[in-house]
């Protein structure tokens, strides 16, 4: 599953994952697919400071560029991911 597919085409990506696992979406009607636009991280103890949590729009802005997508990864991380994921 490619990151950009989850961000820009979530319904189609989820449908493909469901079908790969032998399942299906509950409905083929696109209006029945609901985006979660708030942060999925809830509560005071959920993954650090609340100011660092992202909504759907925040994630598009923060990670929707090549620079943002790879931010935080070392060259060793990227080399390992490339060797395992691009087969």
Protein backbone atom coordinates (compact mmCIF):
# COMPACT_ATOMS: atom_id res chain seq x y z
CA UNK A 1 0.00 0.00 0.00
CA UNK A 2 1.57 3.24 -1.09
CA UNK A 3 1.43 6.19 1.28
CA UNK A 4 0.25 8.58 -1.40
CA UNK A 5 -2.63 6.27 -2.32
CA UNK A 6 -3.87 6.32 1.27
CA UNK A 7 -3.66 10.11 1.36
CA UNK A 8 -5.01 10.98 -2.08
CA UNK A 9 -7.15 7.95 -2.99
CA UNK A 10 -8.15 6.38 0.34
CA UNK A 11 -11.40 4.76 -0.81
CA UNK A 12 -9.74 2.99 -3.73
CA UNK A 13 -6.78 1.93 -1.58
CA UNK A 14 -9.02 0.52 1.15
CA UNK A 15 -11.14 -1.27 -1.46
CA UNK A 16 -8.02 -2.93 -2.93
CA UNK A 17 -6.80 -4.01 0.51
CA UNK A 18 -10.22 -5.46 1.37
CA UNK A 19 -10.42 -7.37 -1.91
CA UNK A 20 -6.86 -8.67 -1.51
CA UNK A 21 -7.81 -10.08 1.90
CA UNK A 22 -10.98 -11.70 0.52
CA UNK A 23 -13.36 -9.01 1.76
CA UNK A 24 -15.20 -6.10 0.22
CA UNK A 25 -16.36 -2.61 1.05
CA UNK A 26 -19.83 -2.50 2.58
CA UNK A 27 -21.06 -0.38 -0.31
CA UNK A 28 -19.87 0.54 -3.79
CA UNK A 29 -21.52 3.92 -3.30
CA UNK A 30 -18.68 6.47 -2.86
CA UNK A 31 -20.91 8.61 -0.62
CA UNK A 32 -20.85 5.77 1.92
CA UNK A 33 -17.07 6.08 2.39
CA UNK A 34 -16.40 8.54 5.21
CA UNK A 35 -13.14 10.38 5.73
CA UNK A 36 -11.92 10.83 9.28
CA UNK A 37 -10.74 14.42 9.19
CA UNK A 38 -9.89 14.87 12.89
CA UNK A 39 -6.79 13.44 14.48
CA UNK A 40 -7.14 9.73 15.18
CA UNK A 41 -5.05 10.22 18.31
CA UNK A 42 -7.34 10.99 21.24
CA UNK A 43 -6.78 11.67 24.91
CA UNK A 44 -3.98 13.27 26.89
CA UNK A 45 -1.63 10.27 26.75
CA UNK A 46 -2.01 9.50 23.04
CA UNK A 47 1.33 9.81 21.26
CA UNK A 48 2.72 13.00 22.70
CA UNK A 49 1.67 16.60 22.82
CA UNK A 50 -1.71 17.52 21.30
CA UNK A 51 -0.12 20.36 19.33
CA UNK A 52 1.86 17.78 17.33
CA UNK A 53 -1.18 15.75 16.25
CA UNK A 54 -2.44 16.07 12.71
CA UNK A 55 -5.85 16.16 11.09
CA UNK A 56 -6.42 14.92 7.55
CA UNK A 57 -5.75 18.39 6.13
CA UNK A 58 -2.67 18.82 8.35
CA UNK A 59 -1.35 15.47 7.10
CA UNK A 60 -1.88 16.50 3.46
CA UNK A 61 0.05 19.71 4.05
CA UNK A 62 2.80 18.13 6.16
CA UNK A 63 3.36 14.87 4.26
CA UNK A 64 1.96 15.63 0.81
CA UNK A 65 5.32 16.61 -0.65
CA UNK A 66 8.39 14.55 -1.39
CA UNK A 67 10.29 16.44 1.30
CA UNK A 68 7.57 15.92 3.90
CA UNK A 69 7.11 12.28 3.03
CA UNK A 70 10.71 11.39 3.77
CA UNK A 71 11.23 13.74 6.70
CA UNK A 72 12.53 11.90 9.74
CA UNK A 73 13.96 8.94 7.84
CA UNK A 74 17.68 8.31 7.75
CA UNK A 75 19.46 7.18 4.59
CA UNK A 76 19.72 3.73 6.21
CA UNK A 77 15.93 3.68 6.77
CA UNK A 78 15.27 4.57 3.15
CA UNK A 79 17.79 2.05 1.84
CA UNK A 80 16.22 -0.72 3.94
CA UNK A 81 12.67 0.21 2.89
CA UNK A 82 13.72 0.32 -0.75
CA UNK A 83 15.32 -3.11 -0.55
CA UNK A 84 12.27 -4.69 1.10
CA UNK A 85 9.34 -2.86 -0.47
CA UNK A 86 10.41 -2.52 -4.10
CA UNK A 87 10.58 -6.19 -5.04
